Amino acid sequence: MFAVFKTGGKQYRVAAEDVLKVDKVKGDPGEIVEFGEVLLVGGEGVTLGTPTIAGATVAAEVLDQARGPKVIAFKKRRRKNSRRKRGHRQEFTLIRITEILTEGRKPDKTPPPRPRRAPAQAAASAEPDSEAASPSREPGAEAEPKARTSAARDKRSAAKAGKAKNSRPKQGTRNEQKR
């Protein structure tokens, strides 16, 4: 099931468990927020709103409140010793879609539990020795450079020759033409 909803003047196509950035929405990390302007709900059948679907909402868990990269607006007027430099960082909310609700149902106020990931060291030690199965180079060994084939050399020389045929004869400067 998927839905298209509108927030912050933009429209987003989402499904359950999607993670996306939207313009800043009120809510602390871990809270569930609802988006009520659902324009379309799809799945087995598509329901199109006029302009929105009554009773449909998209519930999402707030993962983070953050700011985007700095955008610098630099304005300069030549020969007037006038310049202005301003920086701006757009605030956004990182959300994970928990559920798409129809028929006026209300979302669960507690986010679903997430499976814990094992630390990277434990995951690396749990894997079988893939180095023994695949051929590997020794740390000090360098790769041998590939030898150029004669076909590649012929192709390059043919391209150079083609350029020489199509080029115009070199003309001298204006003074040399008069003599």
N, C-alpha and C. Protein backbone atom coordinates (compact mmCIF):
# COMPACT_ATOMS: atom_id res chain seq x y z
N MET A 1 0.84 -1.17 0.00
CA MET A 1 0.00 0.00 0.00
C MET A 1 0.89 1.24 0.00
N PHE A 2 0.49 2.25 -0.77
CA PHE A 2 1.25 3.49 -0.80
C PHE A 2 0.28 4.66 -0.72
N ALA A 3 0.83 5.83 -0.46
CA ALA A 3 0.01 7.04 -0.37
C ALA A 3 0.82 8.23 -0.86
N VAL A 4 0.10 9.26 -1.29
CA VAL A 4 0.72 10.53 -1.64
C VAL A 4 0.13 11.55 -0.68
N PHE A 5 0.99 12.19 0.10
CA PHE A 5 0.51 13.21 1.04
C PHE A 5 1.26 14.50 0.82
N LYS A 6 0.70 15.58 1.38
CA LYS A 6 1.25 16.91 1.17
C LYS A 6 1.63 17.52 2.51
N THR A 7 2.83 18.06 2.60
CA THR A 7 3.27 18.80 3.77
C THR A 7 4.34 19.79 3.35
N GLY A 8 4.32 20.95 3.92
CA GLY A 8 5.34 21.96 3.63
C GLY A 8 5.32 22.42 2.19
N GLY A 9 4.16 22.35 1.51
CA GLY A 9 4.06 22.78 0.12
C GLY A 9 4.60 21.78 -0.87
N LYS A 10 4.99 20.59 -0.41
CA LYS A 10 5.53 19.55 -1.31
C LYS A 10 4.70 18.28 -1.15
N GLN A 11 4.74 17.43 -2.18
CA GLN A 11 4.02 16.17 -2.15
C GLN A 11 5.02 15.03 -2.13
N TYR A 12 4.71 13.99 -1.36
CA TYR A 12 5.61 12.85 -1.20
C TYR A 12 4.83 11.55 -1.44
N ARG A 13 5.42 10.64 -2.20
CA ARG A 13 4.85 9.30 -2.39
C ARG A 13 5.57 8.38 -1.42
N VAL A 14 4.82 7.73 -0.53
CA VAL A 14 5.43 6.94 0.53
C VAL A 14 4.75 5.59 0.66
N ALA A 15 5.47 4.67 1.27
CA ALA A 15 4.94 3.37 1.67
C ALA A 15 5.40 3.16 3.11
N ALA A 16 4.90 2.11 3.74
CA ALA A 16 5.28 1.84 5.13
C ALA A 16 6.79 1.59 5.20
N GLU A 17 7.42 2.06 6.26
CA GLU A 17 8.85 1.92 6.55
C GLU A 17 9.75 2.81 5.69
N ASP A 18 9.21 3.70 4.89
CA ASP A 18 10.04 4.64 4.13
C ASP A 18 10.61 5.70 5.08
N VAL A 19 11.84 6.13 4.82
CA VAL A 19 12.48 7.19 5.59
C VAL A 19 12.70 8.36 4.64
N LEU A 20 12.24 9.57 5.05
CA LEU A 20 12.41 10.72 4.18
C LEU A 20 12.56 11.99 4.99
N LYS A 21 13.07 13.04 4.30
CA LYS A 21 13.24 14.37 4.89
C LYS A 21 12.06 15.22 4.45
N VAL A 22 11.43 15.88 5.41
CA VAL A 22 10.37 16.83 5.10
C VAL A 22 10.72 18.14 5.78
N ASP A 23 10.08 19.23 5.34
CA ASP A 23 10.28 20.51 6.02
C ASP A 23 9.91 20.35 7.48
N LYS A 24 10.47 21.19 8.32
CA LYS A 24 10.34 21.03 9.77
C LYS A 24 8.89 20.88 10.22
N VAL A 25 8.68 19.84 11.05
CA VAL A 25 7.38 19.53 11.63
C VAL A 25 7.58 19.48 13.14
N LYS A 26 6.61 19.96 13.90
CA LYS A 26 6.72 19.93 15.36
C LYS A 26 6.70 18.48 15.85
N GLY A 27 7.60 18.17 16.75
CA GLY A 27 7.66 16.84 17.33
C GLY A 27 9.07 16.51 17.76
N ASP A 28 9.19 15.80 18.87
CA ASP A 28 10.49 15.37 19.36
C ASP A 28 10.83 14.01 18.77
N PRO A 29 12.11 13.66 18.70
CA PRO A 29 12.47 12.33 18.21
C PRO A 29 11.79 11.24 19.04
N GLY A 30 11.19 10.28 18.34
CA GLY A 30 10.47 9.19 19.00
C GLY A 30 8.97 9.38 19.01
N GLU A 31 8.49 10.60 18.74
CA GLU A 31 7.05 10.85 18.72
C GLU A 31 6.44 10.42 17.40
N ILE A 32 5.12 10.21 17.43
CA ILE A 32 4.38 9.90 16.21
C ILE A 32 3.65 11.16 15.77
N VAL A 33 3.82 11.53 14.49
CA VAL A 33 3.11 12.68 13.93
C VAL A 33 2.17 12.19 12.84
N GLU A 34 1.10 12.94 12.60
CA GLU A 34 0.12 12.57 11.58
C GLU A 34 0.10 13.62 10.48
N PHE A 35 -0.04 13.17 9.25
CA PHE A 35 -0.20 14.05 8.10
C PHE A 35 -1.60 13.80 7.54
N GLY A 36 -2.46 14.82 7.59
CA GLY A 36 -3.85 14.65 7.23
C GLY A 36 -4.18 14.95 5.79
N GLU A 37 -3.32 15.66 5.07
CA GLU A 37 -3.61 16.00 3.67
C GLU A 37 -3.15 14.86 2.76
N VAL A 38 -3.93 13.79 2.70
CA VAL A 38 -3.61 12.64 1.85
C VAL A 38 -4.33 12.83 0.52
N LEU A 39 -3.57 12.87 -0.57
CA LEU A 39 -4.13 13.15 -1.88
C LEU A 39 -4.51 11.88 -2.64
N LEU A 40 -3.82 10.76 -2.34
CA LEU A 40 -4.05 9.53 -3.08
C LEU A 40 -3.64 8.36 -2.21
N VAL A 41 -4.42 7.28 -2.25
CA VAL A 41 -4.06 6.05 -1.57
C VAL A 41 -4.15 4.94 -2.60
N GLY A 42 -3.09 4.15 -2.70
CA GLY A 42 -3.06 3.07 -3.68
C GLY A 42 -2.73 1.75 -3.04
N GLY A 43 -2.99 0.70 -3.75
CA GLY A 43 -2.76 -0.66 -3.28
C GLY A 43 -3.44 -1.57 -4.27
N GLU A 44 -4.46 -2.32 -3.81
CA GLU A 44 -5.24 -3.13 -4.74
C GLU A 44 -6.06 -2.23 -5.65
N GLY A 45 -6.64 -1.18 -5.07
CA GLY A 45 -7.37 -0.18 -5.84
C GLY A 45 -6.84 1.19 -5.50
N VAL A 46 -6.97 2.12 -6.42
CA VAL A 46 -6.46 3.47 -6.20
C VAL A 46 -7.62 4.37 -5.83
N THR A 47 -7.46 5.12 -4.73
CA THR A 47 -8.46 6.09 -4.30
C THR A 47 -7.85 7.47 -4.47
N LEU A 48 -8.52 8.30 -5.26
CA LEU A 48 -8.02 9.63 -5.55
C LEU A 48 -8.89 10.64 -4.83
N GLY A 49 -8.28 11.57 -4.13
CA GLY A 49 -9.02 12.57 -3.37
C GLY A 49 -9.42 13.74 -4.23
N THR A 50 -10.45 14.46 -3.77
CA THR A 50 -10.89 15.66 -4.48
C THR A 50 -11.00 16.82 -3.50
N PRO A 51 -10.05 17.54 -3.10
CA PRO A 51 -8.62 17.38 -3.35
C PRO A 51 -7.96 16.40 -2.39
N THR A 52 -8.57 16.13 -1.21
CA THR A 52 -7.97 15.18 -0.29
C THR A 52 -8.97 14.06 0.01
N ILE A 53 -8.46 12.98 0.57
CA ILE A 53 -9.30 11.84 0.93
C ILE A 53 -9.76 12.05 2.37
N ALA A 54 -11.07 12.04 2.57
CA ALA A 54 -11.62 12.25 3.90
C ALA A 54 -11.34 11.02 4.76
N GLY A 55 -10.81 11.24 5.96
CA GLY A 55 -10.56 10.16 6.90
C GLY A 55 -9.25 9.42 6.69
N ALA A 56 -8.44 9.82 5.73
CA ALA A 56 -7.16 9.16 5.49
C ALA A 56 -6.04 9.97 6.12
N THR A 57 -5.11 9.30 6.78
CA THR A 57 -3.94 9.95 7.37
C THR A 57 -2.72 9.08 7.16
N VAL A 58 -1.57 9.71 7.23
CA VAL A 58 -0.29 9.01 7.17
C VAL A 58 0.39 9.26 8.51
N ALA A 59 0.75 8.20 9.22
CA ALA A 59 1.42 8.32 10.51
C ALA A 59 2.91 8.07 10.32
N ALA A 60 3.72 8.86 11.00
CA ALA A 60 5.17 8.74 10.88
C ALA A 60 5.83 8.98 12.23
N GLU A 61 6.97 8.32 12.41
CA GLU A 61 7.77 8.49 13.62
C GLU A 61 8.86 9.51 13.33
N VAL A 62 9.03 10.48 14.22
CA VAL A 62 10.09 11.48 14.06
C VAL A 62 11.41 10.84 14.47
N LEU A 63 12.36 10.79 13.54
CA LEU A 63 13.67 10.23 13.85
C LEU A 63 14.64 11.30 14.32
N ASP A 64 14.59 12.48 13.68
CA ASP A 64 15.57 13.52 14.01
C ASP A 64 15.06 14.88 13.56
N GLN A 65 15.45 15.91 14.28
CA GLN A 65 15.23 17.29 13.87
C GLN A 65 16.61 17.83 13.57
N ALA A 66 16.85 18.26 12.34
CA ALA A 66 18.21 18.67 11.96
C ALA A 66 18.16 19.87 11.01
N ARG A 67 19.35 20.28 10.60
CA ARG A 67 19.49 21.38 9.64
C ARG A 67 20.33 20.91 8.46
N GLY A 68 19.99 21.39 7.29
CA GLY A 68 20.68 21.00 6.08
C GLY A 68 22.01 21.70 5.93
N PRO A 69 22.68 21.50 4.80
CA PRO A 69 23.98 22.15 4.57
C PRO A 69 23.82 23.65 4.41
N LYS A 70 24.90 24.38 4.67
CA LYS A 70 24.85 25.84 4.57
C LYS A 70 24.85 26.25 3.10
N VAL A 71 23.93 27.14 2.80
CA VAL A 71 23.84 27.74 1.46
C VAL A 71 24.26 29.18 1.62
N ILE A 72 25.24 29.62 0.84
CA ILE A 72 25.77 30.98 0.96
C ILE A 72 25.19 31.84 -0.16
N ALA A 73 24.57 32.96 0.22
CA ALA A 73 24.06 33.93 -0.75
C ALA A 73 25.03 35.11 -0.75
N PHE A 74 25.80 35.24 -1.81
CA PHE A 74 26.80 36.30 -1.90
C PHE A 74 26.39 37.25 -3.01
N LYS A 75 26.21 38.52 -2.67
CA LYS A 75 25.83 39.52 -3.66
C LYS A 75 26.90 40.58 -3.71
N LYS A 76 27.29 40.96 -4.93
CA LYS A 76 28.34 41.95 -5.11
C LYS A 76 27.94 42.88 -6.24
N ARG A 77 28.13 44.15 -6.02
CA ARG A 77 27.90 45.13 -7.07
C ARG A 77 29.26 45.65 -7.51
N ARG A 78 29.59 45.49 -8.75
CA ARG A 78 30.93 45.83 -9.21
C ARG A 78 31.19 47.33 -9.13
N ARG A 79 32.40 47.67 -8.83
CA ARG A 79 32.91 49.04 -8.76
C ARG A 79 32.19 49.91 -7.73
N LYS A 80 31.51 49.33 -6.77
CA LYS A 80 30.84 50.15 -5.77
C LYS A 80 31.29 49.78 -4.36
N ASN A 81 32.21 48.87 -4.24
CA ASN A 81 32.69 48.39 -2.95
C ASN A 81 31.50 47.95 -2.09
N SER A 82 30.55 47.29 -2.73
CA SER A 82 29.34 46.85 -2.04
C SER A 82 29.22 45.35 -2.19
N ARG A 83 29.18 44.65 -1.09
CA ARG A 83 28.98 43.20 -1.14
C ARG A 83 28.31 42.74 0.14
N ARG A 84 27.58 41.64 0.02
CA ARG A 84 26.86 41.10 1.17
C ARG A 84 26.95 39.58 1.12
N LYS A 85 27.27 38.99 2.25
CA LYS A 85 27.39 37.55 2.33
C LYS A 85 26.47 37.06 3.45
N ARG A 86 25.55 36.18 3.10
CA ARG A 86 24.62 35.62 4.08
C ARG A 86 24.64 34.10 3.96
N GLY A 87 24.53 33.44 5.09
CA GLY A 87 24.44 31.99 5.10
C GLY A 87 23.06 31.56 5.56
N HIS A 88 22.61 30.41 5.08
CA HIS A 88 21.30 29.90 5.47
C HIS A 88 21.37 28.38 5.56
N ARG A 89 20.77 27.83 6.62
CA ARG A 89 20.65 26.38 6.76
C ARG A 89 19.18 26.06 6.95
N GLN A 90 18.61 25.31 6.02
CA GLN A 90 17.19 24.96 6.09
C GLN A 90 16.97 23.86 7.12
N GLU A 91 15.98 24.04 7.98
CA GLU A 91 15.66 23.04 8.98
C GLU A 91 14.77 21.97 8.36
N PHE A 92 14.98 20.71 8.75
CA PHE A 92 14.15 19.63 8.25
C PHE A 92 13.92 18.62 9.35
N THR A 93 12.96 17.74 9.12
CA THR A 93 12.63 16.66 10.04
C THR A 93 12.81 15.35 9.29
N LEU A 94 13.54 14.43 9.88
CA LEU A 94 13.72 13.11 9.30
C LEU A 94 12.65 12.20 9.91
N ILE A 95 11.83 11.59 9.05
CA ILE A 95 10.72 10.77 9.55
C ILE A 95 10.75 9.38 8.93
N ARG A 96 10.14 8.43 9.63
CA ARG A 96 9.94 7.07 9.11
C ARG A 96 8.44 6.82 9.10
N ILE A 97 7.90 6.46 7.96
CA ILE A 97 6.47 6.21 7.83
C ILE A 97 6.14 4.91 8.57
N THR A 98 5.20 4.98 9.52
CA THR A 98 4.83 3.78 10.29
C THR A 98 3.61 3.11 9.70
N GLU A 99 2.58 3.88 9.35
CA GLU A 99 1.39 3.27 8.78
C GLU A 99 0.59 4.28 7.96
N ILE A 100 -0.19 3.73 7.01
CA ILE A 100 -1.09 4.53 6.19
C ILE A 100 -2.50 4.11 6.60
N LEU A 101 -3.26 5.08 7.10
CA LEU A 101 -4.57 4.78 7.68
C LEU A 101 -5.69 5.34 6.82
N THR A 102 -6.77 4.60 6.71
CA THR A 102 -7.95 5.06 5.98
C THR A 102 -9.17 4.90 6.87
N GLU A 103 -10.30 5.41 6.42
CA GLU A 103 -11.59 5.27 7.10
C GLU A 103 -11.58 5.85 8.52
N GLY A 104 -10.79 6.90 8.75
CA GLY A 104 -10.81 7.60 10.03
C GLY A 104 -10.13 6.89 11.18
N ARG A 105 -9.36 5.83 10.93
CA ARG A 105 -8.67 5.13 12.02
C ARG A 105 -7.57 6.02 12.58
N LYS A 106 -7.24 5.81 13.84
CA LYS A 106 -6.21 6.58 14.52
C LYS A 106 -4.92 5.76 14.62
N PRO A 107 -3.75 6.42 14.55
CA PRO A 107 -2.49 5.68 14.61
C PRO A 107 -2.14 5.28 16.04
N ASP A 108 -1.27 4.28 16.15
CA ASP A 108 -0.73 3.91 17.46
C ASP A 108 0.19 5.03 17.91
N LYS A 109 0.08 5.45 19.15
CA LYS A 109 0.90 6.55 19.65
C LYS A 109 2.31 6.11 20.04
N THR A 110 2.57 4.80 20.07
CA THR A 110 3.92 4.32 20.38
C THR A 110 4.54 3.79 19.10
N PRO A 111 5.76 4.18 18.80
CA PRO A 111 6.41 3.70 17.58
C PRO A 111 6.67 2.20 17.68
N PRO A 112 6.63 1.49 16.55
CA PRO A 112 6.91 0.05 16.60
C PRO A 112 8.36 -0.20 16.99
N PRO A 113 8.63 -1.29 17.69
CA PRO A 113 10.02 -1.56 18.10
C PRO A 113 10.89 -1.88 16.89
N ARG A 114 12.11 -1.41 16.95
CA ARG A 114 13.08 -1.65 15.87
C ARG A 114 14.05 -2.75 16.30
N PRO A 115 14.39 -3.66 15.41
CA PRO A 115 15.39 -4.67 15.78
C PRO A 115 16.74 -4.03 16.00
N ARG A 116 17.44 -4.48 17.01
CA ARG A 116 18.77 -3.94 17.32
C ARG A 116 19.79 -4.56 16.38
N ARG A 117 20.68 -3.72 15.86
CA ARG A 117 21.75 -4.20 14.99
C ARG A 117 22.94 -4.59 15.85
N ALA A 118 23.58 -5.67 15.45
CA ALA A 118 24.78 -6.11 16.17
C ALA A 118 25.92 -5.14 15.87
N PRO A 119 26.83 -4.92 16.81
CA PRO A 119 27.98 -4.06 16.53
C PRO A 119 28.79 -4.60 15.36
N ALA A 120 29.50 -3.71 14.69
CA ALA A 120 30.25 -4.07 13.48
C ALA A 120 31.33 -5.10 13.78
N GLN A 121 31.97 -5.03 14.94
CA GLN A 121 33.03 -5.99 15.28
C GLN A 121 32.45 -7.38 15.43
N ALA A 122 31.31 -7.48 16.07
CA ALA A 122 30.71 -8.80 16.28
C ALA A 122 30.25 -9.38 14.94
N ALA A 123 29.75 -8.54 14.05
CA ALA A 123 29.30 -9.02 12.75
C ALA A 123 30.48 -9.50 11.91
N ALA A 124 31.61 -8.79 12.01
CA ALA A 124 32.79 -9.18 11.23
C ALA A 124 33.36 -10.50 11.74
N SER A 125 33.35 -10.72 13.05
CA SER A 125 33.91 -11.96 13.58
C SER A 125 32.96 -13.13 13.35
N ALA A 126 31.65 -12.87 13.18
CA ALA A 126 30.68 -13.94 12.96
C ALA A 126 30.73 -14.47 11.53
N GLU A 127 31.22 -13.67 10.59
CA GLU A 127 31.28 -14.11 9.20
C GLU A 127 32.38 -15.15 9.03
N PRO A 128 32.17 -16.13 8.13
CA PRO A 128 33.23 -17.10 7.86
C PRO A 128 34.38 -16.43 7.13
N ASP A 129 35.52 -17.09 7.18
CA ASP A 129 36.70 -16.51 6.52
C ASP A 129 36.49 -16.50 5.02
N SER A 130 36.10 -15.36 4.51
CA SER A 130 35.89 -15.23 3.06
C SER A 130 37.21 -15.03 2.35
N GLU A 131 38.26 -14.64 3.08
CA GLU A 131 39.56 -14.43 2.45
C GLU A 131 40.15 -15.75 1.97
N ALA A 132 39.91 -16.82 2.72
CA ALA A 132 40.46 -18.11 2.32
C ALA A 132 39.75 -18.63 1.08
N ALA A 133 38.47 -18.33 0.93
CA ALA A 133 37.72 -18.84 -0.21
C ALA A 133 38.03 -18.06 -1.48
N SER A 134 38.25 -16.76 -1.38
CA SER A 134 38.50 -15.96 -2.57
C SER A 134 40.00 -15.68 -2.68
N PRO A 135 40.50 -15.65 -3.92
CA PRO A 135 41.92 -15.35 -4.09
C PRO A 135 42.19 -13.90 -3.69
N SER A 136 43.23 -13.71 -2.92
CA SER A 136 43.57 -12.35 -2.50
C SER A 136 45.05 -12.10 -2.76
N ARG A 137 45.35 -10.83 -2.89
CA ARG A 137 46.74 -10.45 -3.10
C ARG A 137 47.40 -10.20 -1.76
N GLU A 138 48.68 -10.35 -1.74
CA GLU A 138 49.42 -10.04 -0.54
C GLU A 138 49.48 -8.52 -0.38
N PRO A 139 49.60 -8.03 0.85
CA PRO A 139 49.57 -6.59 1.05
C PRO A 139 50.66 -5.84 0.29
N GLY A 140 51.83 -6.42 0.14
CA GLY A 140 52.93 -5.72 -0.52
C GLY A 140 52.93 -5.87 -2.02
N ALA A 141 52.12 -6.78 -2.56
CA ALA A 141 52.14 -7.04 -4.00
C ALA A 141 51.41 -5.93 -4.75
N GLU A 142 52.00 -5.50 -5.85
CA GLU A 142 51.38 -4.47 -6.67
C GLU A 142 50.78 -5.11 -7.90
N ALA A 143 49.76 -4.50 -8.43
CA ALA A 143 49.11 -5.02 -9.64
C ALA A 143 50.00 -4.72 -10.84
N GLU A 144 50.08 -5.67 -11.75
CA GLU A 144 50.87 -5.46 -12.95
C GLU A 144 50.06 -4.63 -13.93
N PRO A 145 50.69 -3.64 -14.59
CA PRO A 145 49.94 -2.84 -15.56
C PRO A 145 49.56 -3.69 -16.76
N LYS A 146 48.39 -3.40 -17.33
CA LYS A 146 47.92 -4.14 -18.49
C LYS A 146 48.72 -3.71 -19.72
N ALA A 147 49.06 -4.67 -20.52
CA ALA A 147 49.77 -4.36 -21.76
C ALA A 147 48.77 -3.83 -22.78
N ARG A 148 49.16 -2.80 -23.51
CA ARG A 148 48.27 -2.24 -24.52
C ARG A 148 48.25 -3.15 -25.72
N THR A 149 47.08 -3.38 -26.23
CA THR A 149 46.96 -4.26 -27.40
C THR A 149 47.22 -3.46 -28.66
N SER A 150 47.54 -4.17 -29.69
CA SER A 150 47.81 -3.49 -30.96
C SER A 150 46.52 -2.93 -31.55
N ALA A 151 45.36 -3.54 -31.24
CA ALA A 151 44.11 -3.03 -31.77
C ALA A 151 43.81 -1.64 -31.21
N ALA A 152 44.07 -1.46 -29.91
CA ALA A 152 43.84 -0.16 -29.29
C ALA A 152 44.79 0.88 -29.87
N ARG A 153 46.04 0.47 -30.12
CA ARG A 153 47.03 1.38 -30.69
C ARG A 153 46.61 1.76 -32.11
N ASP A 154 46.12 0.80 -32.90
CA ASP A 154 45.69 1.09 -34.27
C ASP A 154 44.50 2.05 -34.27
N LYS A 155 43.59 1.85 -33.32
CA LYS A 155 42.41 2.70 -33.25
C LYS A 155 42.80 4.14 -32.96
N ARG A 156 43.77 4.33 -32.03
CA ARG A 156 44.21 5.67 -31.69
C ARG A 156 44.92 6.33 -32.86
N SER A 157 45.77 5.59 -33.56
CA SER A 157 46.50 6.18 -34.68
C SER A 157 45.54 6.52 -35.82
N ALA A 158 44.49 5.71 -36.01
CA ALA A 158 43.51 6.00 -37.06
C ALA A 158 42.74 7.27 -36.71
N ALA A 159 42.42 7.47 -35.44
CA ALA A 159 41.71 8.67 -35.02
C ALA A 159 42.57 9.90 -35.24
N LYS A 160 43.86 9.80 -34.94
CA LYS A 160 44.77 10.93 -35.16
C LYS A 160 44.88 11.24 -36.65
N ALA A 161 44.95 10.21 -37.46
CA ALA A 161 45.08 10.41 -38.91
C ALA A 161 43.83 11.07 -39.46
N GLY A 162 42.66 10.69 -38.95
CA GLY A 162 41.41 11.28 -39.40
C GLY A 162 41.33 12.75 -39.07
N LYS A 163 41.85 13.15 -37.94
CA LYS A 163 41.86 14.55 -37.57
C LYS A 163 42.77 15.34 -38.49
N ALA A 164 43.89 14.77 -38.86
CA ALA A 164 44.84 15.48 -39.72
C ALA A 164 44.24 15.71 -41.11
N LYS A 165 43.44 14.76 -41.62
CA LYS A 165 42.84 14.92 -42.94
C LYS A 165 41.83 16.05 -42.96
N ASN A 166 41.03 16.13 -41.92
CA ASN A 166 39.94 17.09 -41.90
C ASN A 166 40.37 18.49 -41.51
N SER A 167 41.57 18.66 -40.99
CA SER A 167 41.97 19.99 -40.53
C SER A 167 42.32 20.88 -41.72
N ARG A 168 42.08 22.17 -41.55
CA ARG A 168 42.36 23.13 -42.61
C ARG A 168 43.85 23.44 -42.63
N PRO A 169 44.37 23.85 -43.78
CA PRO A 169 45.79 24.22 -43.83
C PRO A 169 46.02 25.46 -42.98
N LYS A 170 47.14 25.50 -42.34
CA LYS A 170 47.46 26.59 -41.43
C LYS A 170 47.68 27.87 -42.23
N GLN A 171 47.02 28.93 -41.76
CA GLN A 171 47.17 30.22 -42.43
C GLN A 171 48.03 31.11 -41.56
N GLY A 172 48.79 31.97 -42.17
CA GLY A 172 49.67 32.86 -41.44
C GLY A 172 48.92 34.08 -40.95
N THR A 173 49.68 35.00 -40.38
CA THR A 173 49.08 36.24 -39.90
C THR A 173 48.75 37.13 -41.08
N ARG A 174 48.09 38.21 -40.82
CA ARG A 174 47.66 39.10 -41.89
C ARG A 174 48.86 39.69 -42.64
N ASN A 175 49.92 40.01 -41.91
CA ASN A 175 51.13 40.57 -42.55
C ASN A 175 51.77 39.57 -43.49
N GLU A 176 51.76 38.29 -43.10
CA GLU A 176 52.38 37.29 -43.96
C GLU A 176 51.57 37.07 -45.22
N GLN A 177 50.26 37.24 -45.17
CA GLN A 177 49.43 37.05 -46.37
C GLN A 177 49.67 38.15 -47.39
N LYS A 178 49.99 39.36 -46.94
CA LYS A 178 50.21 40.47 -47.89
C LYS A 178 51.49 40.30 -48.66
N ARG A 179 52.49 39.66 -48.11
CA ARG A 179 53.80 39.57 -48.77
C ARG A 179 53.78 38.69 -49.95
